[in-house]
């Protein structure tokens, strides 16, 4: 069993403490996201399940049979909201994608309805199944789904590559999702289990760590996972970004990129930027050309 120094773990994983300007960054996201929802078509709060938190926002594609980019927000499985991330949709829709942003229940939930990471992972399987069934209504192709996520959302994106989809619904294809992009992800939950500021809300057991750590799984067949991380992030986030490539091999994880000058939060600005490293990775996974190839 690996043990970590608790104080060191807090320094490594508490990104709000590491980035003093995080509140201003979140406000920038909020304002930009509201403008995006006002300025382009957004079908908001569509239910994908029966729970109060089981809704998603859809930014339809301009053309039929377009690739679908599903983005799962971060926040340590316990904070933030899909509405905070609408700002990402504008450049991706302009590039030719349909964009979907699901919400999920937040840890730890309540005494009557506790929420764990496994709860959220199952919610994301329901959200992706909904997208497969309904993508064509919004210009998307169910055969061209790319799932992406940031931080905790990147962990969930990796989990989706490993899902046995016929167990969710026997009518779903075995490899419903083949491609994923993780930004600043966490793929082994062992250090997270021991991180003081997260322990009480996440309540991870050793069994849950094994069950919910993608880096401990076998590589999914015929799948591609691209990883990206801010070059200015902590040692642990840089290490976590390398884990899937080490565990799954370069066939399954052919790209692991560091975004110059980006911290744990501004790495999302790179995804929104048509010239960004992670934006180009997203287009590659979707089979879309760059909007400004001459740059």
C-alpha atoms as a PDB file:
ATOM      1  CA  UNK A   1       0.000   0.000   0.000  1.00  0.00           C
ATOM      2  CA  UNK A   2       1.371   3.410  -0.951  1.00  0.00           C
ATOM      3  CA  UNK A   3       1.215   6.170   1.659  1.00  0.00           C
ATOM      4  CA  UNK A   4       1.541   9.877   0.917  1.00  0.00           C
ATOM      5  CA  UNK A   5       2.294  12.825   3.173  1.00  0.00           C
ATOM      6  CA  UNK A   6      -1.078  14.540   3.785  1.00  0.00           C
ATOM      7  CA  UNK A   7       0.292  18.073   3.719  1.00  0.00           C
ATOM      8  CA  UNK A   8       2.120  17.426   0.458  1.00  0.00           C
ATOM      9  CA  UNK A   9      -1.046  15.986  -1.102  1.00  0.00           C
ATOM     10  CA  UNK A  10      -3.027  19.106  -0.200  1.00  0.00           C
ATOM     11  CA  UNK A  11      -0.354  21.272  -1.831  1.00  0.00           C
ATOM     12  CA  UNK A  12      -0.350  19.096  -4.945  1.00  0.00           C
ATOM     13  CA  UNK A  13      -4.094  18.724  -5.452  1.00  0.00           C
ATOM     14  CA  UNK A  14      -5.709  21.855  -3.994  1.00  0.00           C
ATOM     15  CA  UNK A  15      -5.724  23.893  -7.186  1.00  0.00           C
ATOM     16  CA  UNK A  16      -7.763  26.750  -5.775  1.00  0.00           C
ATOM     17  CA  UNK A  17      -5.001  27.314  -3.218  1.00  0.00           C
ATOM     18  CA  UNK A  18      -2.339  26.970  -5.935  1.00  0.00           C
ATOM     19  CA  UNK A  19      -3.984  29.557  -8.226  1.00  0.00           C
ATOM     20  CA  UNK A  20      -4.739  32.752  -6.246  1.00  0.00           C
ATOM     21  CA  UNK A  21      -6.716  34.217  -9.148  1.00  0.00           C
ATOM     22  CA  UNK A  22      -9.088  31.279  -9.469  1.00  0.00           C
ATOM     23  CA  UNK A  23     -12.143  33.307  -8.380  1.00  0.00           C
ATOM     24  CA  UNK A  24     -11.557  35.787 -11.201  1.00  0.00           C
ATOM     25  CA  UNK A  25     -11.113  32.899 -13.648  1.00  0.00           C
ATOM     26  CA  UNK A  26     -14.423  31.356 -12.555  1.00  0.00           C
ATOM     27  CA  UNK A  27     -16.146  34.707 -12.981  1.00  0.00           C
ATOM     28  CA  UNK A  28     -14.667  35.013 -16.460  1.00  0.00           C
ATOM     29  CA  UNK A  29     -16.097  31.576 -17.281  1.00  0.00           C
ATOM     30  CA  UNK A  30     -19.514  32.549 -15.921  1.00  0.00           C
ATOM     31  CA  UNK A  31     -19.747  35.782 -17.914  1.00  0.00           C
ATOM     32  CA  UNK A  32     -18.404  34.238 -21.126  1.00  0.00           C
ATOM     33  CA  UNK A  33     -20.727  31.244 -20.788  1.00  0.00           C
ATOM     34  CA  UNK A  34     -23.798  33.443 -20.354  1.00  0.00           C
ATOM     35  CA  UNK A  35     -22.840  35.352 -23.493  1.00  0.00           C
ATOM     36  CA  UNK A  36     -22.402  32.129 -25.456  1.00  0.00           C
ATOM     37  CA  UNK A  37     -25.822  30.835 -24.401  1.00  0.00           C
ATOM     38  CA  UNK A  38     -27.386  34.146 -25.409  1.00  0.00           C
ATOM     39  CA  UNK A  39     -25.529  34.381 -28.713  1.00  0.00           C
ATOM     40  CA  UNK A  40     -25.970  30.879 -30.134  1.00  0.00           C
ATOM     41  CA  UNK A  41     -28.529  28.113 -30.073  1.00  0.00           C
ATOM     42  CA  UNK A  42     -28.522  26.291 -26.742  1.00  0.00           C
ATOM     43  CA  UNK A  43     -31.101  23.704 -25.744  1.00  0.00           C
ATOM     44  CA  UNK A  44     -30.694  23.808 -21.982  1.00  0.00           C
ATOM     45  CA  UNK A  45     -31.519  21.450 -19.132  1.00  0.00           C
ATOM     46  CA  UNK A  46     -32.689  18.499 -21.194  1.00  0.00           C
ATOM     47  CA  UNK A  47     -33.300  15.453 -18.943  1.00  0.00           C
ATOM     48  CA  UNK A  48     -31.200  12.367 -19.639  1.00  0.00           C
ATOM     49  CA  UNK A  49     -32.535  10.595 -16.548  1.00  0.00           C
ATOM     50  CA  UNK A  50     -35.087  11.039 -13.801  1.00  0.00           C
ATOM     51  CA  UNK A  51     -32.873  12.656 -11.162  1.00  0.00           C
ATOM     52  CA  UNK A  52     -32.924  16.387 -10.518  1.00  0.00           C
ATOM     53  CA  UNK A  53     -29.258  16.676 -11.506  1.00  0.00           C
ATOM     54  CA  UNK A  54     -29.554  14.453 -14.593  1.00  0.00           C
ATOM     55  CA  UNK A  55     -29.789  17.150 -17.250  1.00  0.00           C
ATOM     56  CA  UNK A  56     -27.623  18.302 -20.115  1.00  0.00           C
ATOM     57  CA  UNK A  57     -27.155  21.322 -22.371  1.00  0.00           C
ATOM     58  CA  UNK A  58     -27.002  20.882 -26.134  1.00  0.00           C
ATOM     59  CA  UNK A  59     -25.358  23.166 -28.685  1.00  0.00           C
ATOM     60  CA  UNK A  60     -26.601  21.776 -32.027  1.00  0.00           C
ATOM     61  CA  UNK A  61     -24.352  21.300 -35.035  1.00  0.00           C
ATOM     62  CA  UNK A  62     -24.803  23.439 -38.134  1.00  0.00           C
ATOM     63  CA  UNK A  63     -24.789  20.394 -40.432  1.00  0.00           C
ATOM     64  CA  UNK A  64     -26.331  16.930 -40.075  1.00  0.00           C
ATOM     65  CA  UNK A  65     -24.217  13.874 -39.192  1.00  0.00           C
ATOM     66  CA  UNK A  66     -21.608  16.020 -37.435  1.00  0.00           C
ATOM     67  CA  UNK A  67     -19.311  14.636 -34.738  1.00  0.00           C
ATOM     68  CA  UNK A  68     -20.539  14.966 -31.158  1.00  0.00           C
ATOM     69  CA  UNK A  69     -18.273  16.420 -28.461  1.00  0.00           C
ATOM     70  CA  UNK A  70     -19.482  15.588 -24.959  1.00  0.00           C
ATOM     71  CA  UNK A  71     -17.728  17.670 -22.294  1.00  0.00           C
ATOM     72  CA  UNK A  72     -17.840  16.637 -18.611  1.00  0.00           C
ATOM     73  CA  UNK A  73     -17.011  19.406 -16.158  1.00  0.00           C
ATOM     74  CA  UNK A  74     -14.592  19.092 -13.257  1.00  0.00           C
ATOM     75  CA  UNK A  75     -14.675  20.319  -9.671  1.00  0.00           C
ATOM     76  CA  UNK A  76     -13.457  17.234  -7.764  1.00  0.00           C
ATOM     77  CA  UNK A  77     -16.824  15.530  -8.314  1.00  0.00           C
ATOM     78  CA  UNK A  78     -18.236  17.919  -5.705  1.00  0.00           C
ATOM     79  CA  UNK A  79     -18.610  21.387  -7.248  1.00  0.00           C
ATOM     80  CA  UNK A  80     -19.201  23.470 -10.396  1.00  0.00           C
ATOM     81  CA  UNK A  81     -21.882  23.073 -13.037  1.00  0.00           C
ATOM     82  CA  UNK A  82     -22.284  22.539 -16.764  1.00  0.00           C
ATOM     83  CA  UNK A  83     -23.472  26.148 -17.124  1.00  0.00           C
ATOM     84  CA  UNK A  84     -20.014  27.349 -16.012  1.00  0.00           C
ATOM     85  CA  UNK A  85     -18.511  25.791 -19.161  1.00  0.00           C
ATOM     86  CA  UNK A  86     -20.742  26.922 -22.030  1.00  0.00           C
ATOM     87  CA  UNK A  87     -17.916  29.196 -23.159  1.00  0.00           C
ATOM     88  CA  UNK A  88     -16.177  26.113 -24.571  1.00  0.00           C
ATOM     89  CA  UNK A  89     -18.965  25.439 -27.062  1.00  0.00           C
ATOM     90  CA  UNK A  90     -18.556  28.408 -29.419  1.00  0.00           C
ATOM     91  CA  UNK A  91     -15.289  27.458 -31.119  1.00  0.00           C
ATOM     92  CA  UNK A  92     -16.138  23.752 -31.200  1.00  0.00           C
ATOM     93  CA  UNK A  93     -19.507  24.332 -32.873  1.00  0.00           C
ATOM     94  CA  UNK A  94     -17.831  26.745 -35.310  1.00  0.00           C
ATOM     95  CA  UNK A  95     -15.370  23.968 -36.155  1.00  0.00           C
ATOM     96  CA  UNK A  96     -18.251  21.640 -37.067  1.00  0.00           C
ATOM     97  CA  UNK A  97     -19.222  19.789 -33.881  1.00  0.00           C
ATOM     98  CA  UNK A  98     -22.379  19.255 -31.911  1.00  0.00           C
ATOM     99  CA  UNK A  99     -21.530  19.950 -28.257  1.00  0.00           C
ATOM    100  CA  UNK A 100     -23.208  18.375 -25.218  1.00  0.00           C
ATOM    101  CA  UNK A 101     -22.522  19.272 -21.575  1.00  0.00           C
ATOM    102  CA  UNK A 102     -24.062  17.010 -18.910  1.00  0.00           C
ATOM    103  CA  UNK A 103     -24.549  17.730 -15.245  1.00  0.00           C
ATOM    104  CA  UNK A 104     -24.287  15.169 -12.478  1.00  0.00           C
ATOM    105  CA  UNK A 105     -24.994  14.868  -8.775  1.00  0.00           C
ATOM    106  CA  UNK A 106     -22.261  16.213  -6.518  1.00  0.00           C
ATOM    107  CA  UNK A 107     -20.456  14.424  -3.719  1.00  0.00           C
ATOM    108  CA  UNK A 108     -21.180  13.747  -0.926  1.00  0.00           C
ATOM    109  CA  UNK A 109     -24.911  14.213  -1.508  1.00  0.00           C
ATOM    110  CA  UNK A 110     -27.110  13.898   1.579  1.00  0.00           C
ATOM    111  CA  UNK A 111     -27.736  11.323   4.279  1.00  0.00           C
ATOM    112  CA  UNK A 112     -30.884  10.269   2.450  1.00  0.00           C
ATOM    113  CA  UNK A 113     -29.239  10.268  -0.983  1.00  0.00           C
ATOM    114  CA  UNK A 114     -25.471   9.827  -0.702  1.00  0.00           C
ATOM    115  CA  UNK A 115     -23.410  10.463  -3.818  1.00  0.00           C
ATOM    116  CA  UNK A 116     -20.089   8.810  -4.585  1.00  0.00           C
ATOM    117  CA  UNK A 117     -17.866   8.816  -7.638  1.00  0.00           C
ATOM    118  CA  UNK A 118     -19.422   5.528  -8.696  1.00  0.00           C
ATOM    119  CA  UNK A 119     -22.851   7.229  -8.636  1.00  0.00           C
ATOM    120  CA  UNK A 120     -21.560   9.911 -10.979  1.00  0.00           C
ATOM    121  CA  UNK A 121     -19.874   7.448 -13.333  1.00  0.00           C
ATOM    122  CA  UNK A 122     -23.185   5.601 -13.730  1.00  0.00           C
ATOM    123  CA  UNK A 123     -24.944   8.899 -14.405  1.00  0.00           C
ATOM    124  CA  UNK A 124     -22.458   9.618 -17.172  1.00  0.00           C
ATOM    125  CA  UNK A 125     -23.198   6.255 -18.789  1.00  0.00           C
ATOM    126  CA  UNK A 126     -26.858   7.275 -18.856  1.00  0.00           C
ATOM    127  CA  UNK A 127     -25.973  10.664 -20.336  1.00  0.00           C
ATOM    128  CA  UNK A 128     -23.845   9.107 -23.086  1.00  0.00           C
ATOM    129  CA  UNK A 129     -26.553   6.550 -23.876  1.00  0.00           C
ATOM    130  CA  UNK A 130     -29.031   9.427 -24.205  1.00  0.00           C
ATOM    131  CA  UNK A 131     -26.660  11.225 -26.563  1.00  0.00           C
ATOM    132  CA  UNK A 132     -26.312   8.114 -28.727  1.00  0.00           C
ATOM    133  CA  UNK A 133     -30.089   7.774 -29.038  1.00  0.00           C
ATOM    134  CA  UNK A 134     -30.812  11.456 -29.635  1.00  0.00           C
ATOM    135  CA  UNK A 135     -27.768  13.002 -31.334  1.00  0.00           C
ATOM    136  CA  UNK A 136     -29.348  12.973 -34.799  1.00  0.00           C
ATOM    137  CA  UNK A 137     -32.106  15.323 -33.590  1.00  0.00           C
ATOM    138  CA  UNK A 138     -29.472  18.035 -33.092  1.00  0.00           C
ATOM    139  CA  UNK A 139     -27.246  17.446 -36.108  1.00  0.00           C
ATOM    140  CA  UNK A 140     -24.982  14.862 -34.484  1.00  0.00           C
ATOM    141  CA  UNK A 141     -23.922  11.425 -35.617  1.00  0.00           C
ATOM    142  CA  UNK A 142     -24.306   8.671 -32.972  1.00  0.00           C
ATOM    143  CA  UNK A 143     -21.344   6.902 -34.537  1.00  0.00           C
ATOM    144  CA  UNK A 144     -18.991   9.870 -34.000  1.00  0.00           C
ATOM    145  CA  UNK A 145     -19.128  10.557 -30.254  1.00  0.00           C
ATOM    146  CA  UNK A 146     -16.012  11.946 -28.565  1.00  0.00           C
ATOM    147  CA  UNK A 147     -16.156  12.305 -24.783  1.00  0.00           C
ATOM    148  CA  UNK A 148     -13.976  14.849 -23.029  1.00  0.00           C
ATOM    149  CA  UNK A 149     -13.566  16.216 -19.553  1.00  0.00           C
ATOM    150  CA  UNK A 150     -11.512  18.427 -17.286  1.00  0.00           C
ATOM    151  CA  UNK A 151      -9.934  17.286 -14.000  1.00  0.00           C
ATOM    152  CA  UNK A 152     -12.554  15.020 -12.371  1.00  0.00           C
ATOM    153  CA  UNK A 153     -14.377  15.156 -15.706  1.00  0.00           C
ATOM    154  CA  UNK A 154     -11.282  13.763 -17.442  1.00  0.00           C
ATOM    155  CA  UNK A 155     -11.375  10.826 -15.027  1.00  0.00           C
ATOM    156  CA  UNK A 156     -15.015  10.250 -16.007  1.00  0.00           C
ATOM    157  CA  UNK A 157     -14.153  10.505 -19.714  1.00  0.00           C
ATOM    158  CA  UNK A 158     -11.560   7.759 -19.283  1.00  0.00           C
ATOM    159  CA  UNK A 159     -14.129   5.650 -17.443  1.00  0.00           C
ATOM    160  CA  UNK A 160     -16.504   5.987 -20.400  1.00  0.00           C
ATOM    161  CA  UNK A 161     -13.927   4.414 -22.739  1.00  0.00           C
ATOM    162  CA  UNK A 162     -13.976   1.339 -20.496  1.00  0.00           C
ATOM    163  CA  UNK A 163     -17.745   1.007 -20.224  1.00  0.00           C
ATOM    164  CA  UNK A 164     -19.480  -2.207 -21.313  1.00  0.00           C
ATOM    165  CA  UNK A 165     -22.281  -0.413 -23.107  1.00  0.00           C
ATOM    166  CA  UNK A 166     -24.627  -3.385 -23.680  1.00  0.00           C
ATOM    167  CA  UNK A 167     -24.747  -3.709 -19.879  1.00  0.00           C
ATOM    168  CA  UNK A 168     -26.174  -0.172 -19.760  1.00  0.00           C
ATOM    169  CA  UNK A 169     -28.678  -1.000 -22.524  1.00  0.00           C
ATOM    170  CA  UNK A 170     -28.492  -4.181 -24.585  1.00  0.00           C
ATOM    171  CA  UNK A 171     -29.412  -2.136 -27.670  1.00  0.00           C
ATOM    172  CA  UNK A 172     -26.209  -0.086 -27.460  1.00  0.00           C
ATOM    173  CA  UNK A 173     -23.138  -1.057 -29.514  1.00  0.00           C
ATOM    174  CA  UNK A 174     -20.200  -2.596 -27.686  1.00  0.00           C
ATOM    175  CA  UNK A 175     -17.879   0.287 -28.579  1.00  0.00           C
ATOM    176  CA  UNK A 176     -20.288   3.178 -28.501  1.00  0.00           C
ATOM    177  CA  UNK A 177     -17.462   5.529 -27.477  1.00  0.00           C
ATOM    178  CA  UNK A 178     -14.021   5.000 -29.004  1.00  0.00           C
ATOM    179  CA  UNK A 179     -12.339   8.393 -28.537  1.00  0.00           C
ATOM    180  CA  UNK A 180     -11.763  10.595 -25.502  1.00  0.00           C
ATOM    181  CA  UNK A 181      -9.806  13.675 -24.475  1.00  0.00           C
ATOM    182  CA  UNK A 182      -8.750  14.279 -20.878  1.00  0.00           C
ATOM    183  CA  UNK A 183      -7.543  17.668 -19.664  1.00  0.00           C
ATOM    184  CA  UNK A 184      -5.660  17.758 -16.340  1.00  0.00           C
ATOM    185  CA  UNK A 185      -7.142  14.441 -15.327  1.00  0.00           C
ATOM    186  CA  UNK A 186      -6.735  12.145 -12.328  1.00  0.00           C
ATOM    187  CA  UNK A 187      -6.548   8.492 -13.342  1.00  0.00           C
ATOM    188  CA  UNK A 188      -5.361   6.770 -10.156  1.00  0.00           C
ATOM    189  CA  UNK A 189      -7.494   7.653  -7.144  1.00  0.00           C
ATOM    190  CA  UNK A 190      -5.140   6.296  -4.473  1.00  0.00           C
ATOM    191  CA  UNK A 191      -3.572   9.693  -3.660  1.00  0.00           C
ATOM    192  CA  UNK A 192      -7.000  11.321  -3.862  1.00  0.00           C
ATOM    193  CA  UNK A 193      -8.264   8.890  -1.213  1.00  0.00           C
ATOM    194  CA  UNK A 194      -5.564  10.229   1.148  1.00  0.00           C
ATOM    195  CA  UNK A 195      -5.816  13.964   0.313  1.00  0.00           C
ATOM    196  CA  UNK A 196      -7.139  15.746   3.444  1.00  0.00           C
ATOM    197  CA  UNK A 197      -9.308  18.429   1.848  1.00  0.00           C
ATOM    198  CA  UNK A 198     -11.127  15.810  -0.275  1.00  0.00           C
ATOM    199  CA  UNK A 199     -11.422  12.805   2.051  1.00  0.00           C
ATOM    200  CA  UNK A 200     -14.614  13.762   3.873  1.00  0.00           C
ATOM    201  CA  UNK A 201     -16.642  14.509   0.736  1.00  0.00           C
ATOM    202  CA  UNK A 202     -15.388  11.667  -1.476  1.00  0.00           C
ATOM    203  CA  UNK A 203     -15.255   8.885   1.142  1.00  0.00           C
ATOM    204  CA  UNK A 204     -13.146   6.618  -1.034  1.00  0.00           C
ATOM    205  CA  UNK A 205     -12.434   3.105   0.203  1.00  0.00           C
ATOM    206  CA  UNK A 206      -9.537   0.947  -1.030  1.00  0.00           C
ATOM    207  CA  UNK A 207     -12.073  -1.143  -2.940  1.00  0.00           C
ATOM    208  CA  UNK A 208     -13.495   1.977  -4.611  1.00  0.00           C
ATOM    209  CA  UNK A 209      -9.994   3.111  -5.574  1.00  0.00           C
ATOM    210  CA  UNK A 210      -9.423  -0.164  -7.424  1.00  0.00           C
ATOM    211  CA  UNK A 211     -12.885  -0.107  -8.995  1.00  0.00           C
ATOM    212  CA  UNK A 212     -12.770   3.530 -10.109  1.00  0.00           C
ATOM    213  CA  UNK A 213      -9.151   4.121 -11.204  1.00  0.00           C
ATOM    214  CA  UNK A 214      -8.812   3.921 -15.012  1.00  0.00           C
ATOM    215  CA  UNK A 215      -5.037   3.520 -14.708  1.00  0.00           C
ATOM    216  CA  UNK A 216      -5.705   0.181 -12.994  1.00  0.00           C
ATOM    217  CA  UNK A 217      -7.875  -1.105 -15.857  1.00  0.00           C
ATOM    218  CA  UNK A 218      -6.827  -2.989 -18.953  1.00  0.00           C
ATOM    219  CA  UNK A 219      -6.545  -0.776 -22.018  1.00  0.00           C
ATOM    220  CA  UNK A 220      -9.870  -0.560 -23.865  1.00  0.00           C
ATOM    221  CA  UNK A 221      -9.797  -2.174 -27.291  1.00  0.00           C
ATOM    222  CA  UNK A 222      -9.723  -0.037 -30.427  1.00  0.00           C
ATOM    223  CA  UNK A 223      -9.915   3.162 -28.396  1.00  0.00           C
ATOM    224  CA  UNK A 224      -7.929   6.390 -28.391  1.00  0.00           C
ATOM    225  CA  UNK A 225      -7.367   8.583 -25.363  1.00  0.00           C
ATOM    226  CA  UNK A 226      -5.552  11.906 -25.770  1.00  0.00           C
ATOM    227  CA  UNK A 227      -4.221  13.513 -22.579  1.00  0.00           C
ATOM    228  CA  UNK A 228      -3.315  17.153 -22.004  1.00  0.00           C
ATOM    229  CA  UNK A 229      -2.258  19.061 -18.905  1.00  0.00           C
ATOM    230  CA  UNK A 230      -1.176  22.603 -18.097  1.00  0.00           C
ATOM    231  CA  UNK A 231       2.601  22.875 -18.114  1.00  0.00           C
ATOM    232  CA  UNK A 232       2.408  25.013 -14.955  1.00  0.00           C
ATOM    233  CA  UNK A 233       0.431  22.461 -12.938  1.00  0.00           C
ATOM    234  CA  UNK A 234       1.668  20.540  -9.903  1.00  0.00           C
ATOM    235  CA  UNK A 235       4.024  17.567 -10.050  1.00  0.00           C
ATOM    236  CA  UNK A 236       1.130  15.255  -9.268  1.00  0.00           C
ATOM    237  CA  UNK A 237      -1.083  16.522 -12.083  1.00  0.00           C
ATOM    238  CA  UNK A 238       1.806  16.182 -14.510  1.00  0.00           C
ATOM    239  CA  UNK A 239       2.349  12.637 -13.252  1.00  0.00           C
ATOM    240  CA  UNK A 240      -1.341  11.781 -13.391  1.00  0.00           C
ATOM    241  CA  UNK A 241      -1.463  12.950 -17.006  1.00  0.00           C
ATOM    242  CA  UNK A 242       1.193  10.369 -17.897  1.00  0.00           C
ATOM    243  CA  UNK A 243      -0.430   7.467 -16.072  1.00  0.00           C
ATOM    244  CA  UNK A 244      -2.799   6.192 -18.723  1.00  0.00           C
ATOM    245  CA  UNK A 245      -0.100   6.166 -21.371  1.00  0.00           C
ATOM    246  CA  UNK A 246       2.090   4.134 -19.005  1.00  0.00           C
ATOM    247  CA  UNK A 247      -0.771   1.805 -18.052  1.00  0.00           C
ATOM    248  CA  UNK A 248      -2.554   1.437 -21.393  1.00  0.00           C
ATOM    249  CA  UNK A 249       0.368   1.925 -23.786  1.00  0.00           C
ATOM    250  CA  UNK A 250       0.923   4.343 -26.635  1.00  0.00           C
ATOM    251  CA  UNK A 251      -1.469   2.549 -28.962  1.00  0.00           C
ATOM    252  CA  UNK A 252      -4.409   3.433 -26.724  1.00  0.00           C
ATOM    253  CA  UNK A 253      -2.901   6.748 -25.518  1.00  0.00           C
ATOM    254  CA  UNK A 254      -0.869   8.117 -28.429  1.00  0.00           C
ATOM    255  CA  UNK A 255      -0.843  11.750 -27.255  1.00  0.00           C
ATOM    256  CA  UNK A 256       0.159  13.269 -23.921  1.00  0.00           C
ATOM    257  CA  UNK A 257       0.668  17.012 -24.290  1.00  0.00           C
ATOM    258  CA  UNK A 258       1.664  19.826 -21.937  1.00  0.00           C
ATOM    259  CA  UNK A 259      -0.006  23.161 -22.652  1.00  0.00           C
ATOM    260  CA  UNK A 260       2.592  25.963 -22.325  1.00  0.00           C
ATOM    261  CA  UNK A 261       1.846  28.628 -19.739  1.00  0.00           C
ATOM    262  CA  UNK A 262      -1.401  27.006 -18.548  1.00  0.00           C
ATOM    263  CA  UNK A 263      -2.414  26.233 -14.981  1.00  0.00           C
ATOM    264  CA  UNK A 264      -5.169  23.865 -13.862  1.00  0.00           C
ATOM    265  CA  UNK A 265      -7.915  26.325 -14.808  1.00  0.00           C
ATOM    266  CA  UNK A 266      -6.524  28.256 -17.767  1.00  0.00           C
ATOM    267  CA  UNK A 267      -5.908  24.952 -19.565  1.00  0.00           C
ATOM    268  CA  UNK A 268      -9.604  25.203 -20.471  1.00  0.00           C
ATOM    269  CA  UNK A 269      -8.932  28.472 -22.266  1.00  0.00           C
ATOM    270  CA  UNK A 270      -6.634  26.443 -24.511  1.00  0.00           C
ATOM    271  CA  UNK A 271      -9.510  24.117 -25.413  1.00  0.00           C
ATOM    272  CA  UNK A 272     -11.658  27.125 -26.326  1.00  0.00           C
ATOM    273  CA  UNK A 273      -8.887  28.694 -28.422  1.00  0.00           C
ATOM    274  CA  UNK A 274      -8.919  27.556 -32.096  1.00  0.00           C
ATOM    275  CA  UNK A 275      -5.114  27.725 -32.000  1.00  0.00           C
ATOM    276  CA  UNK A 276      -4.856  25.839 -28.714  1.00  0.00           C
ATOM    277  CA  UNK A 277      -3.016  22.558 -28.280  1.00  0.00           C
ATOM    278  CA  UNK A 278      -6.014  20.780 -26.736  1.00  0.00           C
ATOM    279  CA  UNK A 279      -8.434  22.328 -29.234  1.00  0.00           C
ATOM    280  CA  UNK A 280      -6.403  20.763 -32.037  1.00  0.00           C
ATOM    281  CA  UNK A 281      -6.424  17.433 -30.196  1.00  0.00           C
ATOM    282  CA  UNK A 282     -10.220  17.633 -29.972  1.00  0.00           C
ATOM    283  CA  UNK A 283     -10.552  18.348 -33.699  1.00  0.00           C
ATOM    284  CA  UNK A 284      -8.240  15.458 -34.523  1.00  0.00           C
ATOM    285  CA  UNK A 285     -10.338  13.025 -32.472  1.00  0.00           C
ATOM    286  CA  UNK A 286     -13.490  14.282 -34.212  1.00  0.00           C
ATOM    287  CA  UNK A 287     -11.933  14.149 -37.667  1.00  0.00           C
ATOM    288  CA  UNK A 288     -12.463  17.862 -38.239  1.00  0.00           C
ATOM    289  CA  UNK A 289     -10.070  20.265 -39.987  1.00  0.00           C
ATOM    290  CA  UNK A 290      -8.786  23.369 -38.248  1.00  0.00           C
ATOM    291  CA  UNK A 291     -10.912  26.433 -38.899  1.00  0.00           C
ATOM    292  CA  UNK A 292      -7.824  28.556 -39.657  1.00  0.00           C
ATOM    293  CA  UNK A 293      -5.316  26.074 -41.105  1.00  0.00           C
ATOM    294  CA  UNK A 294      -3.122  28.872 -42.467  1.00  0.00           C
ATOM    295  CA  UNK A 295      -2.177  30.013 -38.954  1.00  0.00           C
END
